[in-house]
Amino acid sequence: MASNVGSTATITGNPQNIMIGSFSDIPYTKFALALAPVALVGLIITVALIALFHRAEFTGAGRLEAPRRKVDANRVLMIRALLVTLILIALFFAGVVPAKAAIIIGGLLLLTRRVKSRRVYAEIDWSLLLMFVGLFIIVAGAERTLLTPDVIAAIGGLHLGKIPVLSGTMAVLSNLVSNVPAVLLIKPFVAPLSDHDTAWLVIAMASTLAGNFTVLGSIANLIVVQRAAVSGVAIGFWDYFRVGAPLTIITLAIGTLWLWR
């Protein structure tokens, strides 16, 4: 939940925000100033709700302790990675196109003789990338076949220029087809709107926060549930929903009011 809420803050926070940054040309700093406050308040609410619904775990005498893992870190590479990460963040806020900055910094990090490239590639989650590729293909096909003139006219009649309507539409759409496809599907309807920047900010906020409604609401949720299961922790649909649903409603209301001000 925190990963979804926190990723609202910047263009590089999640895949749909990266796409929105590319579509809208909103500067990185403007995006962060608009949505970082929403993310900050949302994180506080996330902690409060989890503590409320699972107060027995927080008030009990028992403490969770994770075993300490021995990490054999390459000090030189670690320092270099930290430095280039700081440079990357500075480039983002300086107005450099995020995709250009990321590919340049990523290329520099790969220029090393200390770690063989195949070891780096071995850490990539290829199945996750394949899922994204398949998702984009399906959504592109749906966009070409399902968005008929009648459907476009019907959606256009929803008054998407009104922030609450656009926010609610994105929240519902994100839970039906997931947030990344939802952004791709809503894209054709943004052009006719009068305030493009605000519309894209609303779309970024709503599509991200809506991912907390159910455990199936975002890719991040599925990854966490899968990793938790491997560690012996089962996160059930209803266990997640009783916290995720109110969290989604509250944070969406706050984000909508903030951008509507």
Protein backbone atom coordinates (compact mmCIF):
# COMPACT_ATOMS: atom_id res chain seq x y z
CA MET A 1 0.00 0.00 0.00
CA ALA A 2 2.79 2.40 0.87
CA SER A 3 4.52 1.68 -2.44
CA ASN A 4 1.37 2.68 -4.34
CA VAL A 5 0.75 5.83 -2.31
CA GLY A 6 4.40 6.89 -2.30
CA SER A 7 4.79 6.39 -6.04
CA THR A 8 2.20 9.11 -6.63
CA ALA A 9 4.78 11.77 -5.79
CA THR A 10 6.95 11.87 -8.93
CA ILE A 11 6.96 11.10 -12.63
CA THR A 12 9.41 8.23 -12.08
CA GLY A 13 7.39 6.75 -9.21
CA ASN A 14 5.64 4.11 -11.30
CA PRO A 15 5.10 3.03 -14.92
CA GLN A 16 1.86 4.96 -15.47
CA ASN A 17 3.42 8.20 -14.19
CA ILE A 18 6.36 7.74 -16.56
CA MET A 19 3.91 7.37 -19.44
CA ILE A 20 1.95 10.42 -18.28
CA GLY A 21 5.17 12.44 -18.05
CA SER A 22 5.93 11.49 -21.64
CA PHE A 23 2.41 12.29 -22.89
CA SER A 24 1.98 15.57 -21.03
CA ASP A 25 5.48 17.13 -21.02
CA ILE A 26 4.83 18.30 -17.45
CA PRO A 27 8.16 19.30 -15.84
CA TYR A 28 9.45 16.92 -13.17
CA THR A 29 9.48 19.65 -10.51
CA LYS A 30 5.93 20.82 -11.26
CA PHE A 31 4.67 17.24 -11.08
CA ALA A 32 6.39 16.65 -7.73
CA LEU A 33 5.15 19.93 -6.22
CA ALA A 34 1.59 19.05 -7.24
CA LEU A 35 1.45 15.44 -6.05
CA ALA A 36 4.17 14.96 -3.40
CA PRO A 37 1.93 16.53 -0.69
CA VAL A 38 -0.81 14.04 -1.59
CA ALA A 39 1.66 11.18 -1.28
CA LEU A 40 2.94 12.43 2.08
CA VAL A 41 -0.53 12.75 3.61
CA GLY A 42 -1.51 9.41 2.05
CA LEU A 43 1.47 7.66 3.66
CA ILE A 44 0.47 8.98 7.09
CA ILE A 45 -3.08 7.72 6.57
CA THR A 46 -1.75 4.36 5.36
CA VAL A 47 0.23 3.82 8.55
CA ALA A 48 -2.71 4.97 10.69
CA LEU A 49 -5.22 2.62 9.04
CA ILE A 50 -2.93 -0.41 9.14
CA ALA A 51 -2.20 0.27 12.80
CA LEU A 52 -5.94 0.63 13.46
CA PHE A 53 -7.05 -2.56 11.70
CA HIS A 54 -4.10 -4.60 12.98
CA ARG A 55 -3.66 -2.95 16.36
CA ALA A 56 -3.21 -6.31 18.09
CA GLU A 57 0.07 -6.76 16.22
CA PHE A 58 1.26 -3.28 17.16
CA THR A 59 0.23 -3.33 20.83
CA GLY A 60 1.34 -6.89 21.60
CA ALA A 61 4.49 -7.66 23.49
CA GLY A 62 5.97 -9.75 20.71
CA ARG A 63 8.42 -8.17 18.29
CA LEU A 64 9.13 -9.13 14.71
CA GLU A 65 12.77 -9.80 14.09
CA ALA A 66 14.29 -10.45 10.70
CA PRO A 67 17.43 -12.56 10.51
CA ARG A 68 20.53 -10.58 9.67
CA ARG A 69 21.88 -11.44 6.27
CA LYS A 70 25.54 -11.20 5.48
CA VAL A 71 25.96 -8.89 2.54
CA ASP A 72 29.15 -8.99 0.53
CA ALA A 73 29.01 -5.50 -0.94
CA ASN A 74 31.45 -4.13 -3.46
CA ARG A 75 32.30 -0.80 -1.83
CA VAL A 76 33.52 0.87 -5.04
CA LEU A 77 30.41 -0.06 -7.01
CA MET A 78 28.16 0.91 -4.11
CA ILE A 79 29.70 4.39 -3.88
CA ARG A 80 29.51 4.84 -7.64
CA ALA A 81 25.87 3.72 -7.70
CA LEU A 82 24.97 6.19 -4.95
CA LEU A 83 26.73 9.04 -6.73
CA VAL A 84 25.11 8.42 -10.10
CA THR A 85 21.72 8.04 -8.39
CA LEU A 86 22.12 11.50 -6.88
CA ILE A 87 23.17 12.82 -10.28
CA LEU A 88 20.13 11.16 -11.85
CA ILE A 89 17.76 12.80 -9.38
CA ALA A 90 19.44 16.16 -9.98
CA LEU A 91 19.00 15.72 -13.75
CA PHE A 92 15.31 14.96 -13.26
CA PHE A 93 14.74 18.17 -11.32
CA ALA A 94 16.95 20.12 -13.75
CA GLY A 95 14.45 19.37 -16.51
CA VAL A 96 16.28 16.66 -18.44
CA VAL A 97 13.88 14.21 -20.08
CA PRO A 98 13.62 11.29 -17.59
CA ALA A 99 14.00 8.62 -20.27
CA LYS A 100 17.17 10.23 -21.63
CA ALA A 101 18.67 10.73 -18.17
CA ALA A 102 17.86 7.17 -17.12
CA ILE A 103 19.34 5.49 -20.19
CA ILE A 104 22.55 7.54 -19.95
CA ILE A 105 23.02 6.81 -16.24
CA GLY A 106 22.08 3.17 -16.73
CA GLY A 107 24.64 2.85 -19.52
CA LEU A 108 27.35 4.35 -17.32
CA LEU A 109 26.59 1.90 -14.53
CA LEU A 110 26.96 -1.03 -16.91
CA LEU A 111 30.46 0.11 -17.87
CA THR A 112 32.36 -1.92 -15.29
CA ARG A 113 34.84 -4.76 -15.16
CA ARG A 114 34.07 -5.59 -11.55
CA VAL A 115 30.73 -7.28 -12.32
CA LYS A 116 30.08 -9.20 -15.52
CA SER A 117 27.07 -8.00 -17.50
CA ARG A 118 25.44 -11.44 -17.45
CA ARG A 119 25.23 -11.26 -13.65
CA VAL A 120 23.33 -7.99 -13.96
CA TYR A 121 20.98 -9.39 -16.59
CA ALA A 122 20.36 -12.44 -14.41
CA GLU A 123 18.73 -10.19 -11.81
CA ILE A 124 16.14 -8.83 -14.27
CA ASP A 125 12.61 -10.16 -13.79
CA TRP A 126 12.04 -11.18 -17.41
CA SER A 127 8.61 -12.69 -16.71
CA LEU A 128 7.43 -9.34 -15.34
CA LEU A 129 8.73 -7.52 -18.41
CA LEU A 130 7.00 -10.07 -20.64
CA MET A 131 3.74 -9.47 -18.78
CA PHE A 132 4.04 -5.73 -19.40
CA VAL A 133 4.73 -6.30 -23.09
CA GLY A 134 1.67 -8.53 -23.38
CA LEU A 135 -0.39 -5.98 -21.45
CA PHE A 136 0.56 -3.17 -23.82
CA ILE A 137 -0.22 -5.31 -26.87
CA ILE A 138 -3.67 -6.24 -25.55
CA VAL A 139 -4.49 -2.65 -24.60
CA ALA A 140 -3.34 -1.33 -27.99
CA GLY A 141 -5.58 -3.88 -29.68
CA ALA A 142 -8.51 -2.97 -27.44
CA GLU A 143 -7.95 0.73 -28.13
CA ARG A 144 -8.20 0.15 -31.87
CA THR A 145 -11.19 -2.20 -31.82
CA LEU A 146 -13.28 -1.17 -28.79
CA LEU A 147 -13.00 2.61 -28.91
CA THR A 148 -15.63 3.09 -31.60
CA PRO A 149 -17.07 6.55 -32.35
CA ASP A 150 -20.16 5.70 -30.26
CA VAL A 151 -18.06 4.66 -27.27
CA ILE A 152 -15.89 7.78 -27.59
CA ALA A 153 -19.01 9.95 -27.73
CA ALA A 154 -20.48 8.24 -24.66
CA ILE A 155 -17.30 8.68 -22.63
CA GLY A 156 -16.95 12.24 -23.85
CA GLY A 157 -20.40 12.92 -22.42
CA LEU A 158 -19.18 12.11 -18.90
CA HIS A 159 -17.84 15.68 -18.49
CA LEU A 160 -14.27 14.52 -17.87
CA GLY A 161 -13.22 18.16 -17.65
CA LYS A 162 -14.59 18.16 -14.10
CA ILE A 163 -11.90 16.95 -11.72
CA PRO A 164 -14.14 14.79 -9.47
CA VAL A 165 -15.64 13.05 -12.51
CA LEU A 166 -12.25 12.39 -14.08
CA SER A 167 -10.86 11.14 -10.76
CA GLY A 168 -13.78 8.75 -10.22
CA THR A 169 -13.65 7.52 -13.81
CA MET A 170 -9.95 6.74 -13.54
CA ALA A 171 -10.43 4.99 -10.19
CA VAL A 172 -13.08 2.67 -11.65
CA LEU A 173 -11.20 2.11 -14.90
CA SER A 174 -7.93 1.35 -13.09
CA ASN A 175 -9.60 -1.41 -11.08
CA LEU A 176 -11.21 -2.90 -14.18
CA VAL A 177 -8.18 -3.07 -16.46
CA SER A 178 -5.28 -2.07 -14.13
CA ASN A 179 -3.70 1.38 -13.95
CA VAL A 180 -1.25 1.24 -16.86
CA PRO A 181 -3.87 0.15 -19.44
CA ALA A 182 -6.31 2.64 -17.92
CA VAL A 183 -3.95 5.51 -18.71
CA LEU A 184 -3.56 4.29 -22.29
CA LEU A 185 -7.32 4.00 -22.70
CA ILE A 186 -8.07 7.47 -21.30
CA LYS A 187 -5.37 9.20 -23.35
CA PRO A 188 -7.58 9.97 -26.42
CA PHE A 189 -10.07 11.81 -24.18
CA VAL A 190 -7.56 14.23 -22.67
CA ALA A 191 -6.87 16.24 -25.83
CA PRO A 192 -10.31 17.96 -25.94
CA LEU A 193 -10.04 19.07 -22.29
CA SER A 194 -9.21 22.71 -21.59
CA ASP A 195 -6.58 22.20 -18.84
CA HIS A 196 -4.33 19.35 -20.01
CA ASP A 197 -1.79 19.58 -17.19
CA THR A 198 -4.37 19.38 -14.42
CA ALA A 199 -6.15 16.55 -16.20
CA TRP A 200 -2.95 14.50 -16.46
CA LEU A 201 -2.14 15.18 -12.80
CA VAL A 202 -5.60 13.94 -11.82
CA ILE A 203 -5.13 10.85 -13.97
CA ALA A 204 -1.73 10.15 -12.38
CA MET A 205 -3.10 10.61 -8.87
CA ALA A 206 -6.31 8.61 -9.31
CA SER A 207 -4.85 5.73 -11.32
CA THR A 208 -2.10 5.23 -8.74
CA LEU A 209 -4.13 5.57 -5.54
CA ALA A 210 -6.90 3.38 -6.97
CA GLY A 211 -4.38 0.53 -7.05
CA ASN A 212 -4.87 0.09 -3.31
CA PHE A 213 -8.56 -0.80 -3.57
CA THR A 214 -7.96 -4.53 -4.01
CA VAL A 215 -4.93 -6.79 -4.04
CA LEU A 216 -5.39 -7.05 -7.83
CA GLY A 217 -5.40 -3.28 -8.29
CA SER A 218 -1.76 -2.84 -9.22
CA ILE A 219 1.29 -4.76 -10.36
CA ALA A 220 3.10 -3.72 -7.16
CA ASN A 221 0.43 -5.47 -5.07
CA LEU A 222 0.81 -8.71 -7.00
CA ILE A 223 4.59 -8.63 -6.67
CA VAL A 224 4.41 -8.07 -2.90
CA VAL A 225 1.83 -10.83 -2.40
CA GLN A 226 3.96 -13.23 -4.43
CA ARG A 227 7.13 -12.39 -2.52
CA ALA A 228 5.28 -12.60 0.81
CA ALA A 229 3.95 -16.07 -0.07
CA VAL A 230 7.50 -17.25 -0.77
CA SER A 231 8.45 -16.06 2.72
CA GLY A 232 5.50 -17.92 4.28
CA VAL A 233 3.21 -14.89 4.73
CA ALA A 234 -0.26 -15.21 3.17
CA ILE A 235 -2.08 -11.98 2.29
CA GLY A 236 -5.73 -12.82 1.63
CA PHE A 237 -8.05 -10.83 -0.63
CA TRP A 238 -10.40 -9.76 2.17
CA ASP A 239 -7.59 -9.08 4.63
CA TYR A 240 -6.18 -6.64 2.13
CA PHE A 241 -9.55 -5.23 1.09
CA ARG A 242 -10.68 -4.16 4.57
CA VAL A 243 -7.72 -1.78 4.75
CA GLY A 244 -7.23 -1.04 1.05
CA ALA A 245 -10.81 0.01 0.29
CA PRO A 246 -11.13 2.75 2.95
CA LEU A 247 -7.56 3.85 2.27
CA THR A 248 -8.34 4.25 -1.43
CA ILE A 249 -11.53 6.23 -0.82
CA ILE A 250 -9.89 8.56 1.71
CA THR A 251 -6.72 9.23 -0.32
CA LEU A 252 -8.67 9.71 -3.56
CA ALA A 253 -10.91 12.25 -1.82
CA ILE A 254 -7.87 14.11 -0.47
CA GLY A 255 -6.07 14.05 -3.84
CA THR A 256 -9.17 15.21 -5.70
CA LEU A 257 -9.78 18.10 -3.31
CA TRP A 258 -6.09 19.09 -3.45
CA LEU A 259 -6.03 19.31 -7.26
CA TRP A 260 -9.51 20.90 -7.32
CA ARG A 261 -8.44 23.78 -5.09
